[in-house]
Amino acid sequence: MSSPRRLAAIGALLAVVAAAALVTLVLAGRTTAGVAAATAAFLVLLAALAFLAVTVRRLDGKAHRIDLRVKKYEAELARTTTALRAIDTRLGLLVQAVEESAARRAEDIGAILASLGEDRVNAMARAREVEELRAEVRALAGDGG
């Protein structure tokens, strides 16, 4: 189909030819001015109707292209939403794994600290025993000498 500009140019040319034909008919006395005016008004209405039809067709085409774009963006949004859900699920699993790892580390650290505490308490008790033994040895050495 021709472009709207080409159609407008053809319509303008036909309007000039029709106006010239009506003027020629009126001047030749073949028709009255009233009939020529009514015919011209009818032709103007037909031209306006054709213009509206072309305009509506163009608007419909634009609306269709916009609709296609919206559908494309909706499909992209759906894919993005699906990807985000998958990422959210993975993040949830990672958070859970990190929390479990942190809990295990806390238990391990607690066990290590408890072990160190026991070792320290045992070491302090042994240190007292050694001190007592030294004191006894000194006392015995002092009595023997």
Protein backbone atom coordinates (compact mmCIF):
# COMPACT_ATOMS: atom_id res chain seq x y z
CA MET A 1 0.00 0.00 0.00
CA SER A 2 1.14 3.53 -0.69
CA SER A 3 2.48 5.75 2.03
CA PRO A 4 0.15 8.32 3.62
CA ARG A 5 2.07 11.16 1.96
CA ARG A 6 1.65 9.61 -1.48
CA LEU A 7 -2.05 9.07 -0.82
CA ALA A 8 -2.40 12.69 0.33
CA ALA A 9 -0.65 13.93 -2.82
CA ILE A 10 -2.90 11.81 -5.07
CA GLY A 11 -5.95 13.00 -3.13
CA ALA A 12 -4.92 16.64 -3.49
CA LEU A 13 -4.40 16.18 -7.24
CA LEU A 14 -7.80 14.54 -7.60
CA ALA A 15 -9.40 17.33 -5.55
CA VAL A 16 -7.94 19.96 -7.89
CA VAL A 17 -9.18 18.00 -10.93
CA ALA A 18 -12.64 17.61 -9.37
CA ALA A 19 -12.80 21.31 -8.43
CA ALA A 20 -11.76 22.27 -11.98
CA ALA A 21 -14.40 19.94 -13.43
CA LEU A 22 -17.12 21.43 -11.21
CA VAL A 23 -16.10 24.98 -12.09
CA THR A 24 -16.11 24.04 -15.80
CA LEU A 25 -19.59 22.48 -15.48
CA VAL A 26 -20.94 25.54 -13.68
CA LEU A 27 -19.41 27.94 -16.25
CA ALA A 28 -20.69 25.81 -19.14
CA GLY A 29 -24.16 25.91 -17.62
CA ARG A 30 -24.43 22.13 -17.36
CA THR A 31 -25.15 22.28 -13.62
CA THR A 32 -26.20 24.85 -11.07
CA ALA A 33 -23.93 26.38 -8.44
CA GLY A 34 -25.95 24.69 -5.66
CA VAL A 35 -25.48 21.23 -7.13
CA ALA A 36 -21.76 21.96 -7.64
CA ALA A 37 -21.46 23.17 -4.03
CA ALA A 38 -23.27 20.06 -2.76
CA THR A 39 -21.02 17.85 -4.87
CA ALA A 40 -17.93 19.68 -3.58
CA ALA A 41 -19.15 19.30 0.02
CA PHE A 42 -19.74 15.58 -0.60
CA LEU A 43 -16.23 15.21 -2.03
CA VAL A 44 -14.75 17.08 0.97
CA LEU A 45 -16.59 14.71 3.31
CA LEU A 46 -15.28 11.70 1.36
CA ALA A 47 -11.75 13.12 1.58
CA ALA A 48 -12.16 13.67 5.33
CA LEU A 49 -13.42 10.10 5.70
CA ALA A 50 -10.45 8.76 3.72
CA PHE A 51 -8.09 10.86 5.86
CA LEU A 52 -9.67 9.47 9.03
CA ALA A 53 -9.41 5.92 7.68
CA VAL A 54 -5.70 6.38 6.91
CA THR A 55 -5.11 8.02 10.30
CA VAL A 56 -6.93 5.24 12.13
CA ARG A 57 -4.95 2.64 10.15
CA ARG A 58 -1.67 4.32 11.12
CA LEU A 59 -2.73 4.57 14.76
CA ASP A 60 -3.77 0.92 14.72
CA GLY A 61 -0.38 -0.03 13.31
CA LYS A 62 1.38 1.99 16.00
CA ALA A 63 -0.82 0.48 18.70
CA HIS A 64 0.00 -2.99 17.35
CA ARG A 65 3.75 -2.28 17.46
CA ILE A 66 3.41 -0.92 21.00
CA ASP A 67 1.47 -4.05 21.98
CA LEU A 68 4.22 -6.25 20.54
CA ARG A 69 6.85 -4.30 22.47
CA VAL A 70 4.85 -4.59 25.69
CA LYS A 71 4.53 -8.36 25.17
CA LYS A 72 8.28 -8.60 24.55
CA TYR A 73 9.00 -6.63 27.73
CA GLU A 74 6.54 -8.75 29.68
CA ALA A 75 8.30 -11.91 28.47
CA GLU A 76 11.67 -10.43 29.47
CA LEU A 77 10.23 -9.46 32.84
CA ALA A 78 8.92 -13.00 33.33
CA ARG A 79 12.36 -14.45 32.49
CA THR A 80 14.00 -11.96 34.86
CA THR A 81 11.52 -12.80 37.61
CA THR A 82 12.21 -16.52 37.14
CA ALA A 83 15.97 -15.90 37.26
CA LEU A 84 15.58 -13.78 40.40
CA ARG A 85 13.58 -16.53 42.07
CA ALA A 86 16.31 -19.03 41.24
CA ILE A 87 18.94 -16.64 42.62
CA ASP A 88 16.83 -16.07 45.74
CA THR A 89 16.57 -19.83 46.27
CA ARG A 90 20.34 -20.23 45.86
CA LEU A 91 20.97 -17.35 48.25
CA GLY A 92 18.68 -18.97 50.77
CA LEU A 93 20.66 -22.21 50.53
CA LEU A 94 23.94 -20.32 50.84
CA VAL A 95 22.71 -18.40 53.89
CA GLN A 96 21.60 -21.65 55.48
CA ALA A 97 24.98 -23.26 54.73
CA VAL A 98 26.85 -20.24 56.16
CA GLU A 99 24.70 -20.30 59.30
CA GLU A 100 25.32 -24.04 59.75
CA SER A 101 29.04 -23.51 59.22
CA ALA A 102 29.05 -20.65 61.73
CA ALA A 103 27.22 -22.84 64.26
CA ARG A 104 29.76 -25.66 63.74
CA ARG A 105 32.64 -23.20 64.13
CA ALA A 106 31.07 -21.79 67.29
CA GLU A 107 30.77 -25.32 68.68
CA ASP A 108 34.37 -26.10 67.69
CA ILE A 109 35.65 -22.88 69.23
CA GLY A 110 33.64 -23.58 72.37
CA ALA A 111 35.12 -27.07 72.58
CA ILE A 112 38.63 -25.70 72.00
CA LEU A 113 38.19 -23.04 74.66
CA ALA A 114 36.76 -25.58 77.07
CA SER A 115 39.70 -27.86 76.38
CA LEU A 116 42.13 -24.98 76.89
CA GLY A 117 40.34 -24.06 80.10
CA GLU A 118 40.60 -27.64 81.37
CA ASP A 119 44.26 -27.78 80.40
CA ARG A 120 44.89 -24.51 82.22
CA VAL A 121 43.04 -25.66 85.31
CA ASN A 122 44.95 -28.96 85.20
CA ALA A 123 48.21 -27.11 84.61
CA MET A 124 47.52 -24.83 87.58
CA ALA A 125 46.76 -27.86 89.78
CA ARG A 126 49.97 -29.58 88.63
CA ALA A 127 51.93 -26.37 89.16
CA ARG A 128 50.66 -26.29 92.77
CA GLU A 129 51.57 -29.94 93.22
CA VAL A 130 55.05 -29.28 91.80
CA GLU A 131 55.44 -26.27 94.14
CA GLU A 132 54.37 -28.39 97.07
CA LEU A 133 56.80 -31.12 96.06
CA ARG A 134 59.61 -28.53 95.75
CA ALA A 135 58.74 -27.16 99.13
CA GLU A 136 58.89 -30.68 100.58
CA VAL A 137 62.17 -31.36 98.80
CA ARG A 138 63.62 -28.08 100.18
CA ALA A 139 62.33 -28.93 103.57
CA LEU A 140 63.91 -32.36 103.39
CA ALA A 141 67.12 -30.92 101.98
CA GLY A 142 67.18 -28.37 104.80
CA ASP A 143 66.63 -31.08 107.44
CA GLY A 144 69.35 -33.31 106.01
CA GLY A 145 72.03 -30.76 105.70
